[in-house]
C-alpha atoms as a PDB file:
ATOM      1  CA  MET A   1     131.403 219.976 205.590  1.00  0.00           C
ATOM      2  CA  ALA A   2     131.228 217.262 202.978  1.00  0.00           C
ATOM      3  CA  LYS A   3     134.272 215.028 202.558  1.00  0.00           C
ATOM      4  CA  ARG A   4     136.155 215.892 199.398  1.00  0.00           C
ATOM      5  CA  ILE A   5     136.262 212.902 197.069  1.00  0.00           C
ATOM      6  CA  TRP A   6     138.862 213.796 194.456  1.00  0.00           C
ATOM      7  CA  THR A   7     141.854 214.468 196.652  1.00  0.00           C
ATOM      8  CA  TYR A   8     145.405 214.324 195.314  1.00  0.00           C
ATOM      9  CA  GLU A   9     145.700 210.848 196.834  1.00  0.00           C
ATOM     10  CA  MET A  10     142.610 209.612 194.993  1.00  0.00           C
ATOM     11  CA  ARG A  11     143.864 211.031 191.735  1.00  0.00           C
ATOM     12  CA  SER A  12     147.253 209.449 192.341  1.00  0.00           C
ATOM     13  CA  ILE A  13     145.640 206.053 192.819  1.00  0.00           C
ATOM     14  CA  LEU A  14     143.695 206.573 189.600  1.00  0.00           C
ATOM     15  CA  TYR A  15     146.693 207.506 187.470  1.00  0.00           C
ATOM     16  CA  LYS A  16     149.010 204.956 189.023  1.00  0.00           C
ATOM     17  CA  LYS A  17     146.568 202.081 188.347  1.00  0.00           C
ATOM     18  CA  LEU A  18     145.760 203.417 184.902  1.00  0.00           C
ATOM     19  CA  THR A  19     149.426 203.640 183.952  1.00  0.00           C
ATOM     20  CA  GLU A  20     150.232 200.202 185.370  1.00  0.00           C
ATOM     21  CA  LYS A  21     147.417 198.642 183.354  1.00  0.00           C
ATOM     22  CA  PHE A  22     147.579 200.553 180.052  1.00  0.00           C
ATOM     23  CA  GLY A  23     150.851 202.458 180.021  1.00  0.00           C
ATOM     24  CA  PRO A  24     151.384 206.197 179.611  1.00  0.00           C
ATOM     25  CA  TYR A  25     148.865 208.239 177.652  1.00  0.00           C
ATOM     26  CA  ASN A  26     151.302 209.094 174.868  1.00  0.00           C
ATOM     27  CA  LYS A  27     151.464 205.386 173.945  1.00  0.00           C
ATOM     28  CA  TRP A  28     147.686 204.939 173.621  1.00  0.00           C
ATOM     29  CA  ASN A  29     147.480 206.097 170.010  1.00  0.00           C
ATOM     30  CA  ASN A  30     143.882 207.061 170.695  1.00  0.00           C
ATOM     31  CA  LYS A  31     142.402 210.072 172.439  1.00  0.00           C
ATOM     32  CA  ASN A  32     139.853 208.350 174.692  1.00  0.00           C
ATOM     33  CA  TYR A  33     141.183 204.872 175.453  1.00  0.00           C
ATOM     34  CA  PRO A  34     144.176 202.671 174.641  1.00  0.00           C
ATOM     35  CA  ASN A  35     144.045 201.723 170.971  1.00  0.00           C
ATOM     36  CA  GLY A  36     142.477 198.289 170.496  1.00  0.00           C
ATOM     37  CA  LYS A  37     141.577 197.939 174.171  1.00  0.00           C
ATOM     38  CA  ARG A  38     138.273 199.791 174.448  1.00  0.00           C
ATOM     39  CA  ASP A  39     136.315 196.996 176.117  1.00  0.00           C
ATOM     40  CA  GLU A  40     139.112 196.167 178.561  1.00  0.00           C
ATOM     41  CA  TYR A  41     139.475 199.863 179.379  1.00  0.00           C
ATOM     42  CA  MET A  42     135.722 200.320 179.981  1.00  0.00           C
ATOM     43  CA  GLU A  43     135.660 197.294 182.300  1.00  0.00           C
ATOM     44  CA  PHE A  44     138.735 198.575 184.144  1.00  0.00           C
ATOM     45  CA  ILE A  45     137.147 202.012 184.698  1.00  0.00           C
ATOM     46  CA  THR A  46     133.923 200.386 185.953  1.00  0.00           C
ATOM     47  CA  GLU A  47     135.879 198.261 188.453  1.00  0.00           C
ATOM     48  CA  LEU A  48     137.973 201.235 189.527  1.00  0.00           C
ATOM     49  CA  ALA A  49     134.804 203.251 190.190  1.00  0.00           C
ATOM     50  CA  LYS A  50     133.491 200.378 192.352  1.00  0.00           C
ATOM     51  CA  SER A  51     136.709 200.248 194.373  1.00  0.00           C
ATOM     52  CA  PHE A  52     136.666 204.051 194.835  1.00  0.00           C
ATOM     53  CA  SER A  53     133.066 203.762 196.019  1.00  0.00           C
ATOM     54  CA  VAL A  54     134.084 201.285 198.692  1.00  0.00           C
ATOM     55  CA  LEU A  55     137.079 203.390 199.673  1.00  0.00           C
ATOM     56  CA  MET A  56     135.022 206.576 200.014  1.00  0.00           C
ATOM     57  CA  ASN A  57     131.844 204.923 201.316  1.00  0.00           C
ATOM     58  CA  LYS A  58     129.964 206.831 198.648  1.00  0.00           C
ATOM     59  CA  GLU A  59     128.976 205.942 195.083  1.00  0.00           C
ATOM     60  CA  ILE A  60     131.585 207.007 192.567  1.00  0.00           C
ATOM     61  CA  THR A  61     130.371 206.518 189.029  1.00  0.00           C
ATOM     62  CA  LYS A  62     132.473 205.458 186.083  1.00  0.00           C
ATOM     63  CA  ASP A  63     131.534 208.793 184.502  1.00  0.00           C
ATOM     64  CA  ALA A  64     133.189 210.574 187.438  1.00  0.00           C
ATOM     65  CA  VAL A  65     136.371 208.583 186.819  1.00  0.00           C
ATOM     66  CA  PHE A  66     136.217 209.345 183.079  1.00  0.00           C
ATOM     67  CA  MET A  67     135.870 213.057 183.885  1.00  0.00           C
ATOM     68  CA  GLN A  68     139.054 213.066 185.948  1.00  0.00           C
ATOM     69  CA  ILE A  69     140.967 211.475 183.106  1.00  0.00           C
ATOM     70  CA  ALA A  70     139.419 213.924 180.626  1.00  0.00           C
ATOM     71  CA  TRP A  71     140.765 216.833 182.690  1.00  0.00           C
ATOM     72  CA  ALA A  72     144.305 215.443 182.468  1.00  0.00           C
ATOM     73  CA  THR A  73     144.072 214.818 178.734  1.00  0.00           C
ATOM     74  CA  THR A  74     142.009 217.827 177.602  1.00  0.00           C
ATOM     75  CA  GLU A  75     143.124 219.832 174.602  1.00  0.00           C
ATOM     76  CA  GLN A  76     141.014 222.883 175.428  1.00  0.00           C
ATOM     77  CA  ASN A  77     142.494 226.218 174.573  1.00  0.00           C
ATOM     78  CA  LYS A  78     140.970 227.969 177.545  1.00  0.00           C
ATOM     79  CA  ILE A  79     139.893 226.874 181.017  1.00  0.00           C
ATOM     80  CA  GLU A  80     138.008 229.437 183.077  1.00  0.00           C
ATOM     81  CA  GLY A  81     137.022 229.629 186.723  1.00  0.00           C
ATOM     82  CA  GLU A  82     138.805 228.700 189.925  1.00  0.00           C
ATOM     83  CA  GLY A  83     137.030 225.341 190.167  1.00  0.00           C
ATOM     84  CA  HIS A  84     137.841 224.243 186.632  1.00  0.00           C
ATOM     85  CA  SER A  85     141.418 225.495 186.728  1.00  0.00           C
ATOM     86  CA  SER A  86     142.120 223.749 190.037  1.00  0.00           C
ATOM     87  CA  VAL A  87     140.686 220.446 188.781  1.00  0.00           C
ATOM     88  CA  TYR A  88     142.815 220.755 185.638  1.00  0.00           C
ATOM     89  CA  VAL A  89     146.035 221.514 187.533  1.00  0.00           C
ATOM     90  CA  LEU A  90     145.481 218.809 190.163  1.00  0.00           C
ATOM     91  CA  ASN A  91     144.768 216.157 187.537  1.00  0.00           C
ATOM     92  CA  MET A  92     147.758 217.149 185.457  1.00  0.00           C
ATOM     93  CA  ALA A  93     150.017 217.022 188.513  1.00  0.00           C
ATOM     94  CA  ALA A  94     148.785 213.604 189.686  1.00  0.00           C
ATOM     95  CA  ALA A  95     148.913 212.189 186.146  1.00  0.00           C
ATOM     96  CA  TYR A  96     152.473 213.491 185.669  1.00  0.00           C
ATOM     97  CA  GLU A  97     153.720 212.324 189.079  1.00  0.00           C
ATOM     98  CA  ASN A  98     152.367 208.812 188.418  1.00  0.00           C
ATOM     99  CA  GLY A  99     153.813 208.450 184.910  1.00  0.00           C
ATOM    100  CA  PHE A 100     150.564 208.772 182.952  1.00  0.00           C
ATOM    101  CA  LEU A 101     151.662 212.081 181.411  1.00  0.00           C
ATOM    102  CA  THR A 102     155.129 213.369 180.498  1.00  0.00           C
ATOM    103  CA  GLY A 103     156.443 216.895 180.418  1.00  0.00           C
ATOM    104  CA  LYS A 104     155.573 217.029 176.721  1.00  0.00           C
ATOM    105  CA  ASP A 105     151.892 216.629 177.603  1.00  0.00           C
ATOM    106  CA  PHE A 106     151.811 219.996 179.378  1.00  0.00           C
ATOM    107  CA  PRO A 107     150.709 223.117 177.544  1.00  0.00           C
ATOM    108  CA  LYS A 108     153.458 225.221 176.020  1.00  0.00           C
ATOM    109  CA  LEU A 109     151.916 228.340 177.508  1.00  0.00           C
ATOM    110  CA  LEU A 110     149.787 228.764 180.603  1.00  0.00           C
ATOM    111  CA  LEU A 111     148.432 232.175 181.419  1.00  0.00           C
ATOM    112  CA  VAL A 112     147.373 232.981 184.961  1.00  0.00           C
ATOM    113  CA  GLU A 113     144.812 235.628 185.851  1.00  0.00           C
ATOM    114  CA  ARG A 114     143.880 236.173 189.491  1.00  0.00           C
ATOM    115  CA  SER A 115     140.884 238.111 190.661  1.00  0.00           C
END
């Protein structure tokens, strides 16, 4: 069985480092990166992907890191499928626990449908 890359611990490292460097998401004043710090943010994500690659002994791309952050900050109205919903919940939890998100960043309503 393949080793799972995006564990809760990996996500926690991501959001802890992100928050330490750029502060919580609600202070960014921009949807995709901290306002006025695009280049610094892009370089930070690239370096973080490299360090994750070393840690996991497998290439982790900067796009993979961006995708994790996108799951925590998505404004989608609907997320379908067990895989997508678990990635969403796990990223939200890690981001919240590490100070990147606050309780106000969570949806006001979350419907659960089980098969």
